[in-house]
Amino acid sequence: MGKTIISAAVAAGLCFAPAVFASDEDDMAAMQRQLNKEVLEKPFSVADQGKIDAYVQDAMKKNLKPIENPPTNWNWQPGYTCANIYNYGWHAYSQCAHYHRYYGRYW
């Protein structure tokens, strides 16, 4: 008798489980669509690497020192490269490239 009740409870629980996961998948898909939309709306693109190179060369000719430390809102971590802050925009990427060219290393 005890095994029958447990079996029935387990079977009933398994019947409701797919509905819970389906809702989570829908929520995750909606969040991913929103994230994709936000990323595609950002105007920055490093596709024109020439502009970045021109900025860095100009700064080097003027003997301008790059910023000493990355701003805290860039969430810079050891081992990062400029590609890791791509989403912070042209200014962040160009500052990173300038620092790298000037010192030969990353922050």
N, C-alpha and C. Protein backbone atom coordinates (compact mmCIF):
# COMPACT_ATOMS: atom_id res chain seq x y z
N MET A 1 0.82 -1.19 0.00
CA MET A 1 0.00 0.00 0.00
C MET A 1 0.86 1.25 0.00
N GLY A 2 1.92 1.28 0.81
CA GLY A 2 2.80 2.44 0.92
C GLY A 2 3.52 2.72 -0.40
N LYS A 3 3.93 1.65 -1.10
CA LYS A 3 4.63 1.82 -2.38
C LYS A 3 3.70 2.39 -3.43
N THR A 4 2.43 2.03 -3.37
CA THR A 4 1.45 2.52 -4.34
C THR A 4 1.25 4.02 -4.19
N ILE A 5 1.16 4.49 -2.95
CA ILE A 5 0.97 5.92 -2.70
C ILE A 5 2.19 6.69 -3.16
N ILE A 6 3.38 6.18 -2.85
CA ILE A 6 4.62 6.85 -3.27
C ILE A 6 4.72 6.87 -4.80
N SER A 7 4.40 5.76 -5.41
CA SER A 7 4.45 5.69 -6.88
C SER A 7 3.48 6.68 -7.51
N ALA A 8 2.30 6.78 -6.94
CA ALA A 8 1.30 7.71 -7.46
C ALA A 8 1.77 9.16 -7.28
N ALA A 9 2.38 9.46 -6.15
CA ALA A 9 2.86 10.81 -5.89
C ALA A 9 3.99 11.17 -6.84
N VAL A 10 4.90 10.23 -7.08
CA VAL A 10 6.01 10.48 -8.00
C VAL A 10 5.47 10.67 -9.41
N ALA A 11 4.55 9.84 -9.83
CA ALA A 11 3.97 9.95 -11.17
C ALA A 11 3.25 11.28 -11.34
N ALA A 12 2.53 11.71 -10.32
CA ALA A 12 1.82 12.99 -10.39
C ALA A 12 2.81 14.13 -10.47
N GLY A 13 3.90 14.06 -9.74
CA GLY A 13 4.92 15.10 -9.78
C GLY A 13 5.59 15.19 -11.12
N LEU A 14 5.84 14.08 -11.77
CA LEU A 14 6.47 14.08 -13.08
C LEU A 14 5.56 14.65 -14.15
N CYS A 15 4.26 14.53 -13.96
CA CYS A 15 3.32 15.08 -14.94
C CYS A 15 3.35 16.60 -14.95
N PHE A 16 3.63 17.21 -13.81
CA PHE A 16 3.64 18.67 -13.73
C PHE A 16 5.01 19.26 -14.05
N ALA A 17 6.05 18.48 -14.00
CA ALA A 17 7.41 18.99 -14.20
C ALA A 17 7.62 19.62 -15.58
N PRO A 18 7.17 19.04 -16.69
CA PRO A 18 7.40 19.68 -17.99
C PRO A 18 6.79 21.06 -18.10
N ALA A 19 5.66 21.30 -17.44
CA ALA A 19 5.03 22.61 -17.51
C ALA A 19 5.90 23.67 -16.84
N VAL A 20 6.57 23.30 -15.75
CA VAL A 20 7.45 24.23 -15.05
C VAL A 20 8.65 24.55 -15.92
N PHE A 21 9.27 23.56 -16.53
CA PHE A 21 10.44 23.79 -17.36
C PHE A 21 10.10 24.55 -18.62
N ALA A 22 8.93 24.31 -19.17
CA ALA A 22 8.53 25.02 -20.39
C ALA A 22 8.42 26.51 -20.11
N SER A 23 7.90 26.88 -18.97
CA SER A 23 7.79 28.29 -18.60
C SER A 23 9.17 28.91 -18.46
N ASP A 24 10.11 28.20 -17.84
CA ASP A 24 11.47 28.70 -17.70
C ASP A 24 12.13 28.88 -19.07
N GLU A 25 11.92 27.96 -19.98
CA GLU A 25 12.50 28.07 -21.32
C GLU A 25 11.93 29.27 -22.05
N ASP A 26 10.62 29.50 -21.91
CA ASP A 26 10.00 30.67 -22.54
C ASP A 26 10.57 31.96 -21.98
N ASP A 27 10.73 31.99 -20.64
CA ASP A 27 11.30 33.18 -20.01
C ASP A 27 12.73 33.42 -20.48
N MET A 28 13.51 32.36 -20.54
CA MET A 28 14.90 32.48 -20.99
C MET A 28 14.97 32.95 -22.45
N ALA A 29 14.10 32.43 -23.28
CA ALA A 29 14.08 32.84 -24.68
C ALA A 29 13.70 34.31 -24.81
N ALA A 30 12.75 34.76 -24.00
CA ALA A 30 12.35 36.17 -24.03
C ALA A 30 13.49 37.07 -23.55
N MET A 31 14.18 36.65 -22.51
CA MET A 31 15.31 37.44 -22.01
C MET A 31 16.43 37.49 -23.05
N GLN A 32 16.68 36.37 -23.74
CA GLN A 32 17.72 36.34 -24.77
C GLN A 32 17.36 37.26 -25.93
N ARG A 33 16.10 37.26 -26.35
CA ARG A 33 15.67 38.16 -27.42
C ARG A 33 15.88 39.61 -27.02
N GLN A 34 15.54 39.96 -25.77
CA GLN A 34 15.72 41.33 -25.28
C GLN A 34 17.20 41.70 -25.26
N LEU A 35 18.04 40.79 -24.80
CA LEU A 35 19.48 41.04 -24.76
C LEU A 35 20.04 41.24 -26.17
N ASN A 36 19.62 40.39 -27.09
CA ASN A 36 20.06 40.52 -28.49
C ASN A 36 19.66 41.88 -29.05
N LYS A 37 18.44 42.31 -28.75
CA LYS A 37 17.95 43.59 -29.24
C LYS A 37 18.81 44.73 -28.70
N GLU A 38 19.12 44.70 -27.40
CA GLU A 38 19.93 45.74 -26.78
C GLU A 38 21.33 45.79 -27.37
N VAL A 39 21.93 44.64 -27.61
CA VAL A 39 23.28 44.59 -28.17
C VAL A 39 23.29 45.14 -29.59
N LEU A 40 22.29 44.77 -30.38
CA LEU A 40 22.25 45.23 -31.77
C LEU A 40 21.95 46.72 -31.89
N GLU A 41 21.33 47.31 -30.86
CA GLU A 41 21.02 48.74 -30.90
C GLU A 41 22.24 49.61 -30.61
N LYS A 42 23.29 49.04 -30.06
CA LYS A 42 24.48 49.82 -29.74
C LYS A 42 25.18 50.22 -31.03
N PRO A 43 25.53 51.51 -31.17
CA PRO A 43 26.09 51.98 -32.42
C PRO A 43 27.56 51.64 -32.63
N PHE A 44 28.28 51.23 -31.59
CA PHE A 44 29.71 51.01 -31.70
C PHE A 44 30.05 49.72 -32.44
N SER A 45 31.07 49.81 -33.26
CA SER A 45 31.59 48.64 -33.94
C SER A 45 33.08 48.86 -34.18
N VAL A 46 33.86 47.85 -33.92
CA VAL A 46 35.29 47.94 -34.17
C VAL A 46 35.57 47.50 -35.60
N ALA A 47 34.55 47.40 -36.40
CA ALA A 47 34.76 47.00 -37.79
C ALA A 47 35.74 47.93 -38.48
N ASP A 48 35.77 49.20 -38.08
CA ASP A 48 36.70 50.15 -38.67
C ASP A 48 37.92 50.27 -37.76
N GLN A 49 38.75 49.25 -37.80
CA GLN A 49 39.95 49.23 -36.97
C GLN A 49 40.88 50.38 -37.34
N GLY A 50 40.76 50.89 -38.56
CA GLY A 50 41.59 52.00 -39.00
C GLY A 50 41.40 53.24 -38.14
N LYS A 51 40.17 53.51 -37.72
CA LYS A 51 39.91 54.67 -36.86
C LYS A 51 40.59 54.50 -35.50
N ILE A 52 40.55 53.30 -34.98
CA ILE A 52 41.20 53.03 -33.70
C ILE A 52 42.71 53.22 -33.86
N ASP A 53 43.28 52.66 -34.92
CA ASP A 53 44.71 52.79 -35.16
C ASP A 53 45.11 54.25 -35.35
N ALA A 54 44.30 55.02 -36.07
CA ALA A 54 44.59 56.44 -36.28
C ALA A 54 44.56 57.19 -34.95
N TYR A 55 43.59 56.88 -34.10
CA TYR A 55 43.50 57.51 -32.78
C TYR A 55 44.76 57.22 -31.97
N VAL A 56 45.16 55.97 -31.94
CA VAL A 56 46.33 55.58 -31.15
C VAL A 56 47.59 56.22 -31.72
N GLN A 57 47.76 56.22 -33.03
CA GLN A 57 48.94 56.83 -33.64
C GLN A 57 49.00 58.32 -33.34
N ASP A 58 47.86 59.00 -33.41
CA ASP A 58 47.80 60.42 -33.12
C ASP A 58 48.18 60.69 -31.66
N ALA A 59 47.67 59.88 -30.76
CA ALA A 59 47.99 60.04 -29.34
C ALA A 59 49.48 59.79 -29.10
N MET A 60 50.04 58.81 -29.80
CA MET A 60 51.46 58.51 -29.63
C MET A 60 52.33 59.66 -30.18
N LYS A 61 51.93 60.24 -31.32
CA LYS A 61 52.68 61.38 -31.89
C LYS A 61 52.67 62.57 -30.94
N LYS A 62 51.55 62.79 -30.27
CA LYS A 62 51.42 63.91 -29.33
C LYS A 62 52.01 63.57 -27.96
N ASN A 63 52.54 62.37 -27.84
CA ASN A 63 53.13 61.88 -26.58
C ASN A 63 52.12 61.97 -25.42
N LEU A 64 50.88 61.65 -25.71
CA LEU A 64 49.85 61.62 -24.68
C LEU A 64 49.90 60.28 -23.96
N LYS A 65 49.93 60.34 -22.64
CA LYS A 65 49.92 59.10 -21.87
C LYS A 65 48.49 58.61 -21.77
N PRO A 66 48.31 57.31 -21.84
CA PRO A 66 46.95 56.75 -21.67
C PRO A 66 46.54 56.81 -20.20
N ILE A 67 45.27 56.57 -19.96
CA ILE A 67 44.79 56.56 -18.58
C ILE A 67 45.54 55.47 -17.82
N GLU A 68 45.81 55.74 -16.55
CA GLU A 68 46.62 54.82 -15.75
C GLU A 68 45.90 53.53 -15.41
N ASN A 69 44.62 53.64 -15.08
CA ASN A 69 43.83 52.47 -14.68
C ASN A 69 42.50 52.51 -15.40
N PRO A 70 41.97 51.35 -15.73
CA PRO A 70 40.65 51.35 -16.36
C PRO A 70 39.60 51.81 -15.36
N PRO A 71 38.60 52.55 -15.81
CA PRO A 71 37.51 52.95 -14.90
C PRO A 71 36.84 51.72 -14.29
N THR A 72 36.36 51.88 -13.08
CA THR A 72 35.77 50.74 -12.38
C THR A 72 34.52 50.21 -13.08
N ASN A 73 33.82 51.07 -13.83
CA ASN A 73 32.61 50.57 -14.49
C ASN A 73 32.91 49.68 -15.68
N TRP A 74 34.18 49.54 -16.06
CA TRP A 74 34.54 48.61 -17.13
C TRP A 74 34.67 47.19 -16.62
N ASN A 75 34.69 47.00 -15.32
CA ASN A 75 34.82 45.67 -14.71
C ASN A 75 36.04 44.92 -15.23
N TRP A 76 37.15 45.61 -15.34
CA TRP A 76 38.38 45.02 -15.87
C TRP A 76 38.89 43.94 -14.93
N GLN A 77 39.30 42.81 -15.49
CA GLN A 77 39.83 41.69 -14.71
C GLN A 77 41.21 41.33 -15.24
N PRO A 78 42.09 40.79 -14.41
CA PRO A 78 43.39 40.33 -14.91
C PRO A 78 43.19 39.30 -16.02
N GLY A 79 43.96 39.44 -17.06
CA GLY A 79 43.86 38.52 -18.19
C GLY A 79 42.97 39.03 -19.31
N TYR A 80 42.26 40.12 -19.08
CA TYR A 80 41.40 40.69 -20.12
C TYR A 80 42.24 41.33 -21.22
N THR A 81 41.63 41.45 -22.38
CA THR A 81 42.19 42.21 -23.49
C THR A 81 41.16 43.25 -23.88
N CYS A 82 41.48 44.05 -24.89
CA CYS A 82 40.53 45.08 -25.32
C CYS A 82 39.22 44.46 -25.80
N ALA A 83 39.27 43.26 -26.32
CA ALA A 83 38.06 42.59 -26.79
C ALA A 83 37.06 42.39 -25.66
N ASN A 84 37.54 42.28 -24.42
CA ASN A 84 36.65 42.07 -23.29
C ASN A 84 35.83 43.30 -22.93
N ILE A 85 36.28 44.48 -23.36
CA ILE A 85 35.52 45.70 -23.05
C ILE A 85 34.90 46.29 -24.31
N TYR A 86 34.80 45.50 -25.33
CA TYR A 86 34.20 45.91 -26.60
C TYR A 86 32.83 46.55 -26.39
N ASN A 87 32.04 46.00 -25.51
CA ASN A 87 30.67 46.49 -25.29
C ASN A 87 30.60 47.84 -24.58
N TYR A 88 31.71 48.33 -24.08
CA TYR A 88 31.70 49.62 -23.40
C TYR A 88 31.85 50.79 -24.38
N GLY A 89 32.02 50.50 -25.65
CA GLY A 89 32.03 51.56 -26.65
C GLY A 89 33.41 51.92 -27.19
N TRP A 90 33.37 52.88 -28.12
CA TRP A 90 34.57 53.29 -28.84
C TRP A 90 35.60 53.87 -27.89
N HIS A 91 35.17 54.73 -26.96
CA HIS A 91 36.12 55.38 -26.05
C HIS A 91 36.87 54.34 -25.22
N ALA A 92 36.16 53.39 -24.66
CA ALA A 92 36.80 52.36 -23.84
C ALA A 92 37.78 51.54 -24.67
N TYR A 93 37.34 51.14 -25.85
CA TYR A 93 38.19 50.31 -26.71
C TYR A 93 39.43 51.08 -27.14
N SER A 94 39.26 52.35 -27.52
CA SER A 94 40.41 53.14 -27.98
C SER A 94 41.38 53.41 -26.83
N GLN A 95 40.86 53.65 -25.61
CA GLN A 95 41.74 53.84 -24.46
C GLN A 95 42.53 52.58 -24.16
N CYS A 96 41.88 51.45 -24.27
CA CYS A 96 42.56 50.17 -24.05
C CYS A 96 43.64 49.95 -25.09
N ALA A 97 43.32 50.22 -26.35
CA ALA A 97 44.30 50.05 -27.43
C ALA A 97 45.48 50.99 -27.24
N HIS A 98 45.21 52.22 -26.83
CA HIS A 98 46.27 53.19 -26.59
C HIS A 98 47.19 52.72 -25.46
N TYR A 99 46.59 52.28 -24.37
CA TYR A 99 47.38 51.78 -23.25
C TYR A 99 48.24 50.60 -23.69
N HIS A 100 47.65 49.68 -24.41
CA HIS A 100 48.38 48.48 -24.86
C HIS A 100 49.54 48.86 -25.77
N ARG A 101 49.30 49.77 -26.69
CA ARG A 101 50.37 50.19 -27.61
C ARG A 101 51.46 50.96 -26.87
N TYR A 102 51.08 51.78 -25.90
CA TYR A 102 52.02 52.62 -25.17
C TYR A 102 52.92 51.80 -24.25
N TYR A 103 52.30 50.90 -23.47
CA TYR A 103 53.05 50.14 -22.47
C TYR A 103 53.40 48.72 -22.91
N GLY A 104 52.76 48.23 -23.97
CA GLY A 104 53.04 46.87 -24.44
C GLY A 104 52.40 45.80 -23.59
N ARG A 105 51.44 46.19 -22.78
CA ARG A 105 50.72 45.23 -21.92
C ARG A 105 49.34 45.80 -21.64
N TYR A 106 48.51 44.99 -21.00
CA TYR A 106 47.20 45.46 -20.58
C TYR A 106 47.24 45.82 -19.10
N TRP A 107 46.20 46.48 -18.63
CA TRP A 107 46.18 46.94 -17.24
C TRP A 107 46.43 45.85 -16.28
